[in-house]
Amino acid sequence: MTADLLLLAPPESRRVRAFQASLAEQGRPPARVVTPLDVLRGGVDLASLVRPGSVVRLDSPGEDIATEEALIRLGGGVPGDLAGGELAPMRAWYAGFSRYLAEVDAALAQAPPHRRMQRRDHILTMFDKAATHARLHAAGVPVPEALPEVHSAEELIEAATARGWSRVFVKLAYGSSASGAVALQWQGPRVSAMTTVRLVDGRPYNSRRLVRYEGWPEVHALLDALAPHRLHVERWLPKASFQGRTVDLRVVVIGGRAQHTLVRSAAGPITNLHLGNERGDLDALKAAVGPARWAQIGQVAEHALAAFPGALYGGVDVLLTPGFRRVAVLEVNAFGDYHRGVRVNGLDTYGAQLRALEEMPEPAQVVAPC
């Protein structure tokens, strides 16, 4: 089937270019692209662009500073120096993103019958790390232990110490791409924080090179600068080492099946590929892990996405502990399917999603407003 595709995303982003290339490779017509900025500014009648039987796909609004600024303002915030890498005010960003998705849903409710590749409630939950963690835990998916919300460095250290923890991962509750992530460990007067954040005059900026802070005054300043963005703090589970490097996995679950998998390989604890880390050898890792444990990895990733009933796809971050003894889920990513060059049965992630959508029974294809 060659369905009409309507894509809501910044038109010049890498994800849009990759999606269009995948469609062309399959002999499908290109997707029509609507920029979120036009939706946010009221410059487009979204419902009128949907044709009977269209497939509507939302993709990340990132890679476009004007869109990010508009989302922040919609959420009641002030953007700051985004072009210079300053951390966006994430509470305001999330509030604006929520309102944007609500506007999209309201418009699509007036559109002709169509199919959606994502649901608003799924996207918003996946973008809230604490909410995702709670949902996975309730579903019996193995996840690291987490603290209740903390509002300062002092609260964080006190709460962790009360549980006997001295190593934690600090994440921005609404962050992505390791923005604001801190791998923190301490013992008495000694403390070390490895992070993607550099402080400039007390203000947090994103860094593509990991920064190390040592000394309690510096660490307190770092955590207190991040706390207004809302923190999600998990107990640090050590990651497996393979071929002399730290590894974890991004598994894209599509149509209920664990499919396209990337090994993320790093010299340190933060493995995101955009930080200069590497793709590991998937076949070699599978052989080292063994078929039984590898099957468990797929089952755990599938179980994680099943906690979002009806979700067509999601990128699941899976941790293996040293010796491959345990499996845990770190995050579920609404837009975690940008896996260029990774194919399963000849299809990349986008082709596999479209095939899975076509195979879904008719009642599941028409998505009502959430």
Protein backbone atom coordinates (compact mmCIF):
# COMPACT_ATOMS: atom_id res chain seq x y z
CA MET A 1 0.00 0.00 0.00
CA THR A 2 1.22 3.51 -0.83
CA ALA A 3 -0.47 5.82 1.67
CA ASP A 4 -0.33 9.59 1.70
CA LEU A 5 2.06 10.62 4.48
CA LEU A 6 1.87 13.87 6.41
CA LEU A 7 4.90 14.59 8.57
CA LEU A 8 4.99 17.21 11.33
CA ALA A 9 8.63 18.14 11.90
CA PRO A 10 11.22 20.80 11.07
CA PRO A 11 11.67 20.20 7.32
CA GLU A 12 15.47 20.49 7.30
CA SER A 13 16.14 18.14 10.23
CA ARG A 14 18.25 15.01 9.79
CA ARG A 15 15.27 12.87 10.77
CA VAL A 16 13.08 14.31 8.04
CA ARG A 17 15.79 13.86 5.43
CA ALA A 18 16.31 10.26 6.55
CA PHE A 19 12.59 9.52 6.51
CA GLN A 20 12.22 10.95 3.00
CA ALA A 21 15.22 8.94 1.81
CA SER A 22 13.67 5.77 3.21
CA LEU A 23 10.40 6.47 1.42
CA ALA A 24 12.22 7.06 -1.87
CA GLU A 25 14.16 3.82 -1.47
CA GLN A 26 10.89 1.93 -1.08
CA GLY A 27 9.38 3.61 -4.13
CA ARG A 28 6.90 5.57 -2.03
CA PRO A 29 6.06 9.21 -2.74
CA PRO A 30 7.67 11.74 -0.41
CA ALA A 31 5.85 12.79 2.72
CA ARG A 32 4.25 16.19 2.81
CA VAL A 33 5.94 18.14 5.61
CA VAL A 34 4.31 20.62 7.96
CA THR A 35 6.62 22.56 10.22
CA PRO A 36 5.62 22.73 13.91
CA LEU A 37 6.42 26.44 13.81
CA ASP A 38 3.54 27.02 11.38
CA VAL A 39 1.22 25.09 13.70
CA LEU A 40 2.43 27.06 16.72
CA ARG A 41 1.95 30.39 14.92
CA GLY A 42 -1.47 29.44 13.61
CA GLY A 43 -0.29 29.73 10.03
CA VAL A 44 -1.67 26.42 8.80
CA ASP A 45 -5.05 24.70 8.84
CA LEU A 46 -3.78 21.25 9.76
CA ALA A 47 -7.14 19.50 9.43
CA SER A 48 -7.47 20.62 5.81
CA LEU A 49 -4.13 19.05 4.92
CA VAL A 50 -5.20 15.57 6.00
CA ARG A 51 -6.64 13.45 3.22
CA PRO A 52 -8.90 10.42 3.74
CA GLY A 53 -6.59 7.52 4.62
CA SER A 54 -3.54 9.72 5.30
CA VAL A 55 -0.88 8.56 7.75
CA VAL A 56 0.17 11.33 10.14
CA ARG A 57 3.58 11.14 11.78
CA LEU A 58 5.02 13.47 14.42
CA ASP A 59 8.77 13.70 14.74
CA SER A 60 11.12 15.52 17.05
CA PRO A 61 10.79 19.33 17.03
CA GLY A 62 14.52 19.57 17.74
CA GLU A 63 17.28 20.84 15.45
CA ASP A 64 15.34 24.07 14.91
CA ILE A 65 16.01 26.82 17.42
CA ALA A 66 13.03 28.93 16.38
CA THR A 67 10.70 26.00 17.09
CA GLU A 68 12.32 25.34 20.46
CA GLU A 69 12.03 29.01 21.39
CA ALA A 70 8.36 29.05 20.39
CA LEU A 71 7.65 25.99 22.54
CA ILE A 72 9.37 27.58 25.54
CA ARG A 73 7.42 30.81 25.16
CA LEU A 74 4.18 28.86 24.75
CA GLY A 75 4.99 27.22 28.07
CA GLY A 76 5.52 30.57 29.76
CA GLY A 77 9.32 30.57 29.75
CA VAL A 78 12.17 32.69 28.43
CA PRO A 79 14.42 30.77 26.00
CA GLY A 80 17.86 32.12 26.92
CA ASP A 81 20.94 31.61 24.75
CA LEU A 82 19.86 28.43 22.93
CA ALA A 83 22.10 29.20 19.95
CA GLY A 84 25.06 29.29 22.31
CA GLY A 85 24.10 25.97 23.87
CA GLU A 86 22.42 27.19 27.04
CA LEU A 87 20.17 24.59 28.60
CA ALA A 88 16.56 25.30 27.70
CA PRO A 89 14.16 25.93 30.61
CA MET A 90 12.77 22.41 30.44
CA ARG A 91 9.66 22.87 32.57
CA ALA A 92 8.49 25.61 30.21
CA TRP A 93 9.57 23.59 27.17
CA TYR A 94 7.53 20.59 28.30
CA ALA A 95 4.50 22.76 29.07
CA GLY A 96 4.75 24.31 25.60
CA PHE A 97 5.30 20.93 23.95
CA SER A 98 2.20 19.61 25.75
CA ARG A 99 0.12 22.53 24.48
CA TYR A 100 1.48 22.06 20.95
CA LEU A 101 0.50 18.37 20.93
CA ALA A 102 -2.94 19.28 22.29
CA GLU A 103 -3.38 21.75 19.42
CA VAL A 104 -2.35 19.06 16.92
CA ASP A 105 -4.85 16.61 18.43
CA ALA A 106 -7.64 19.19 18.36
CA ALA A 107 -6.97 19.94 14.70
CA LEU A 108 -6.76 16.30 13.71
CA ALA A 109 -10.06 15.62 15.46
CA GLN A 110 -11.65 17.73 12.70
CA ALA A 111 -9.77 15.96 9.89
CA PRO A 112 -11.02 13.17 7.61
CA PRO A 113 -10.45 9.57 8.81
CA HIS A 114 -6.71 8.91 8.99
CA ARG A 115 -4.12 6.93 10.89
CA ARG A 116 -1.61 8.18 13.45
CA MET A 117 1.85 6.75 14.02
CA GLN A 118 1.93 8.05 17.61
CA ARG A 119 -0.44 9.00 20.40
CA ARG A 120 -0.13 12.24 22.33
CA ASP A 121 -0.38 10.59 25.74
CA HIS A 122 2.41 8.17 24.87
CA ILE A 123 4.72 10.91 23.63
CA LEU A 124 4.17 13.08 26.70
CA THR A 125 4.72 10.21 29.13
CA MET A 126 7.89 9.09 27.34
CA PHE A 127 9.19 12.66 27.58
CA ASP A 128 8.63 12.61 31.34
CA LYS A 129 11.31 10.34 32.78
CA ALA A 130 9.72 10.08 36.21
CA ALA A 131 6.33 9.19 34.70
CA THR A 132 7.92 6.63 32.39
CA HIS A 133 9.86 5.09 35.28
CA ALA A 134 6.68 4.80 37.37
CA ARG A 135 4.76 3.24 34.49
CA LEU A 136 7.48 0.70 33.76
CA HIS A 137 7.83 -0.20 37.45
CA ALA A 138 4.07 -0.70 37.75
CA ALA A 139 4.17 -2.98 34.71
CA GLY A 140 6.89 -5.15 36.25
CA VAL A 141 9.64 -3.97 33.89
CA PRO A 142 13.06 -4.03 35.62
CA VAL A 143 14.25 -0.46 36.20
CA PRO A 144 16.82 1.14 38.50
CA GLU A 145 15.53 2.36 41.85
CA ALA A 146 14.66 6.06 41.86
CA LEU A 147 14.33 8.84 44.39
CA PRO A 148 11.18 10.91 44.91
CA GLU A 149 11.54 14.34 43.35
CA VAL A 150 14.31 16.42 44.88
CA HIS A 151 14.74 20.16 44.58
CA SER A 152 18.37 20.84 45.50
CA ALA A 153 21.79 19.27 45.80
CA GLU A 154 21.33 19.00 49.56
CA GLU A 155 18.01 17.13 49.22
CA LEU A 156 19.50 14.80 46.64
CA ILE A 157 22.52 13.83 48.72
CA GLU A 158 20.44 13.41 51.89
CA ALA A 159 17.81 11.24 50.17
CA ALA A 160 20.39 9.05 48.45
CA THR A 161 22.53 8.66 51.58
CA ALA A 162 19.45 7.67 53.59
CA ARG A 163 19.05 4.74 51.19
CA GLY A 164 22.68 3.78 51.43
CA TRP A 165 23.49 5.01 47.94
CA SER A 166 26.70 6.76 47.02
CA ARG A 167 26.37 6.59 43.22
CA VAL A 168 23.45 8.03 41.26
CA PHE A 169 22.52 9.15 37.77
CA VAL A 170 20.89 12.56 37.67
CA LYS A 171 18.71 13.33 34.66
CA LEU A 172 16.49 16.20 33.66
CA ALA A 173 12.94 14.88 33.92
CA TYR A 174 12.08 16.33 30.49
CA GLY A 175 15.55 16.19 28.95
CA SER A 176 16.73 14.29 25.89
CA SER A 177 20.04 13.39 24.26
CA ALA A 178 21.71 13.28 27.71
CA SER A 179 21.11 17.02 28.15
CA GLY A 180 21.74 17.79 31.81
CA ALA A 181 22.83 14.24 32.65
CA VAL A 182 25.19 13.76 35.61
CA ALA A 183 26.94 10.56 36.71
CA LEU A 184 27.58 11.33 40.37
CA GLN A 185 29.50 9.38 43.01
CA TRP A 186 30.91 10.26 46.41
CA GLN A 187 32.58 8.83 49.48
CA GLY A 188 32.99 11.07 52.50
CA PRO A 189 34.74 14.27 51.45
CA ARG A 190 35.50 12.94 47.98
CA VAL A 191 33.04 13.51 45.14
CA SER A 192 33.12 13.22 41.36
CA ALA A 193 30.55 14.24 38.76
CA MET A 194 30.81 13.41 35.07
CA THR A 195 28.31 15.45 33.08
CA THR A 196 27.26 16.96 29.76
CA VAL A 197 26.94 20.36 31.45
CA ARG A 198 29.41 23.21 31.74
CA LEU A 199 28.61 26.14 33.99
CA VAL A 200 29.15 29.64 32.63
CA ASP A 201 28.62 32.34 35.25
CA GLY A 202 26.45 29.87 37.13
CA ARG A 203 24.24 29.10 34.10
CA PRO A 204 24.17 25.57 32.62
CA TYR A 205 25.23 25.03 29.02
CA ASN A 206 25.21 21.77 27.06
CA SER A 207 28.58 20.31 26.15
CA ARG A 208 29.37 17.65 23.58
CA ARG A 209 32.47 16.79 25.60
CA LEU A 210 31.97 15.33 29.03
CA VAL A 211 32.97 17.63 31.86
CA ARG A 212 34.26 16.42 35.23
CA TYR A 213 33.57 18.28 38.48
CA GLU A 214 35.42 17.36 41.66
CA GLY A 215 34.88 19.00 44.99
CA TRP A 216 31.62 19.51 46.86
CA PRO A 217 31.23 23.26 46.20
CA GLU A 218 31.46 22.71 42.43
CA VAL A 219 29.09 19.72 42.51
CA HIS A 220 26.55 21.55 44.67
CA ALA A 221 26.65 24.50 42.24
CA LEU A 222 26.11 22.14 39.30
CA LEU A 223 23.15 20.31 40.86
CA ASP A 224 21.53 23.49 42.15
CA ALA A 225 21.78 25.01 38.66
CA LEU A 226 19.98 21.97 37.23
CA ALA A 227 17.34 21.56 39.95
CA PRO A 228 14.91 24.22 38.61
CA HIS A 229 14.55 22.13 35.44
CA ARG A 230 13.13 19.24 37.56
CA LEU A 231 15.39 16.30 38.31
CA HIS A 232 14.90 12.55 38.03
CA VAL A 233 17.48 10.67 40.09
CA GLU A 234 18.17 6.94 39.76
CA ARG A 235 20.49 4.62 41.59
CA TRP A 236 23.58 4.06 39.45
CA LEU A 237 23.53 0.56 38.05
CA PRO A 238 26.99 -0.27 36.66
CA LYS A 239 26.99 -1.04 32.94
CA ALA A 240 28.64 -4.03 31.34
CA SER A 241 32.05 -3.72 29.77
CA PHE A 242 32.66 -5.23 26.34
CA GLN A 243 35.84 -5.07 24.29
CA GLY A 244 37.29 -2.72 26.90
CA ARG A 245 34.45 -0.18 26.77
CA THR A 246 31.21 0.54 28.57
CA VAL A 247 28.15 -0.55 26.58
CA ASP A 248 24.39 -0.33 26.62
CA LEU A 249 21.71 -0.83 23.97
CA ARG A 250 19.10 1.18 22.11
CA VAL A 251 16.42 -1.27 20.97
CA VAL A 252 13.65 -0.02 18.69
CA VAL A 253 10.48 -2.00 19.34
CA ILE A 254 8.11 -1.86 16.36
CA GLY A 255 4.72 -3.49 16.22
CA GLY A 256 5.41 -5.22 19.52
CA ARG A 257 8.67 -6.81 18.35
CA ALA A 258 12.21 -5.87 19.36
CA GLN A 259 13.89 -5.16 16.05
CA HIS A 260 16.60 -2.61 15.19
CA THR A 261 19.31 -2.58 17.86
CA LEU A 262 22.35 -0.37 18.36
CA VAL A 263 25.24 -1.06 20.73
CA ARG A 264 26.39 2.23 22.25
CA SER A 265 30.02 1.97 23.29
CA ALA A 266 31.83 4.56 25.41
CA ALA A 267 34.95 5.07 27.50
CA GLY A 268 32.78 6.30 30.40
CA PRO A 269 29.30 5.89 31.86
CA ILE A 270 27.36 8.16 29.45
CA THR A 271 26.99 6.38 26.10
CA ASN A 272 24.96 8.70 23.85
CA LEU A 273 26.44 8.57 20.37
CA HIS A 274 26.32 12.31 19.68
CA LEU A 275 28.91 12.79 22.46
CA GLY A 276 31.61 11.22 20.31
CA ASN A 277 30.91 7.66 21.41
CA GLU A 278 30.89 4.72 19.02
CA ARG A 279 28.59 2.05 17.68
CA GLY A 280 29.72 -1.29 19.08
CA ASP A 281 29.86 -4.65 17.32
CA LEU A 282 26.33 -6.02 17.64
CA ASP A 283 27.09 -9.53 16.36
CA ALA A 284 30.09 -9.91 18.65
CA LEU A 285 28.07 -8.74 21.64
CA LYS A 286 25.23 -11.13 20.85
CA ALA A 287 27.70 -13.99 20.72
CA ALA A 288 29.25 -12.95 24.03
CA VAL A 289 25.88 -12.52 25.75
CA GLY A 290 24.52 -15.85 24.54
CA PRO A 291 21.14 -16.71 23.01
CA ALA A 292 19.19 -17.04 26.26
CA ARG A 293 20.22 -13.66 27.66
CA TRP A 294 19.84 -12.00 24.26
CA ALA A 295 16.29 -13.32 24.00
CA GLN A 296 15.63 -11.88 27.46
CA ILE A 297 16.90 -8.47 26.32
CA GLY A 298 14.35 -8.46 23.50
CA GLN A 299 11.57 -9.60 25.81
CA VAL A 300 12.33 -6.87 28.35
CA ALA A 301 12.36 -4.20 25.63
CA GLU A 302 9.04 -5.49 24.28
CA HIS A 303 7.58 -5.54 27.79
CA ALA A 304 8.65 -1.92 28.22
CA LEU A 305 6.81 -0.75 25.11
CA ALA A 306 3.80 -2.87 26.04
CA ALA A 307 3.46 -0.58 29.06
CA PHE A 308 2.21 1.94 26.46
CA PRO A 309 -0.73 -0.03 25.03
CA GLY A 310 -1.25 0.62 21.34
CA ALA A 311 2.14 2.28 20.79
CA LEU A 312 3.41 1.49 17.30
CA TYR A 313 7.07 1.97 18.18
CA GLY A 314 9.53 3.34 20.71
CA GLY A 315 13.26 3.40 21.34
CA VAL A 316 14.06 1.48 24.52
CA ASP A 317 17.38 2.05 26.30
CA VAL A 318 18.49 -1.23 27.85
CA LEU A 319 21.27 -1.65 30.40
CA LEU A 320 23.27 -4.83 30.96
CA THR A 321 25.12 -5.14 34.24
CA PRO A 322 28.72 -6.48 34.36
CA GLY A 323 28.96 -10.07 33.25
CA PHE A 324 25.61 -9.59 31.49
CA ARG A 325 23.97 -10.84 34.67
CA ARG A 326 21.00 -8.44 34.78
CA VAL A 327 18.89 -6.46 32.32
CA ALA A 328 17.15 -3.17 33.13
CA VAL A 329 15.37 -0.47 31.15
CA LEU A 330 16.64 3.09 31.52
CA GLU A 331 14.28 5.03 29.27
CA VAL A 332 11.68 4.75 26.52
CA ASN A 333 12.15 7.34 23.77
CA ALA A 334 9.24 8.63 21.71
CA PHE A 335 11.59 9.71 18.91
CA GLY A 336 14.30 7.12 19.52
CA ASP A 337 14.18 5.51 16.08
CA TYR A 338 16.87 7.44 14.22
CA HIS A 339 19.04 4.40 13.42
CA ARG A 340 20.63 5.08 10.08
CA GLY A 341 22.15 2.06 8.38
CA VAL A 342 20.51 -0.48 10.71
CA ARG A 343 18.23 -2.92 8.91
CA VAL A 344 16.11 -5.90 9.86
CA ASN A 345 14.76 -8.08 7.05
CA GLY A 346 15.92 -5.44 4.60
CA LEU A 347 13.96 -2.62 6.23
CA ASP A 348 15.19 0.36 8.20
CA THR A 349 13.22 1.60 11.21
CA TYR A 350 10.92 3.77 9.12
CA GLY A 351 10.09 1.04 6.62
CA ALA A 352 9.45 -1.41 9.45
CA GLN A 353 7.09 1.07 11.13
CA LEU A 354 5.07 1.59 7.96
CA ARG A 355 4.82 -2.15 7.41
CA ALA A 356 3.73 -2.70 11.02
CA LEU A 357 1.11 0.04 10.67
CA GLU A 358 -0.29 -1.62 7.57
CA GLU A 359 -0.49 -4.95 9.43
CA MET A 360 -2.44 -3.50 12.35
CA PRO A 361 -6.14 -4.40 12.49
CA GLU A 362 -8.46 -1.67 11.26
CA PRO A 363 -9.85 -0.60 14.68
CA ALA A 364 -6.31 0.15 15.88
CA GLN A 365 -5.43 2.18 12.81
CA VAL A 366 -7.77 5.11 13.39
CA VAL A 367 -6.51 6.93 16.44
CA ALA A 368 -9.07 8.98 18.33
CA PRO A 369 -7.98 12.21 20.03
CA CYS A 370 -6.37 11.60 23.42
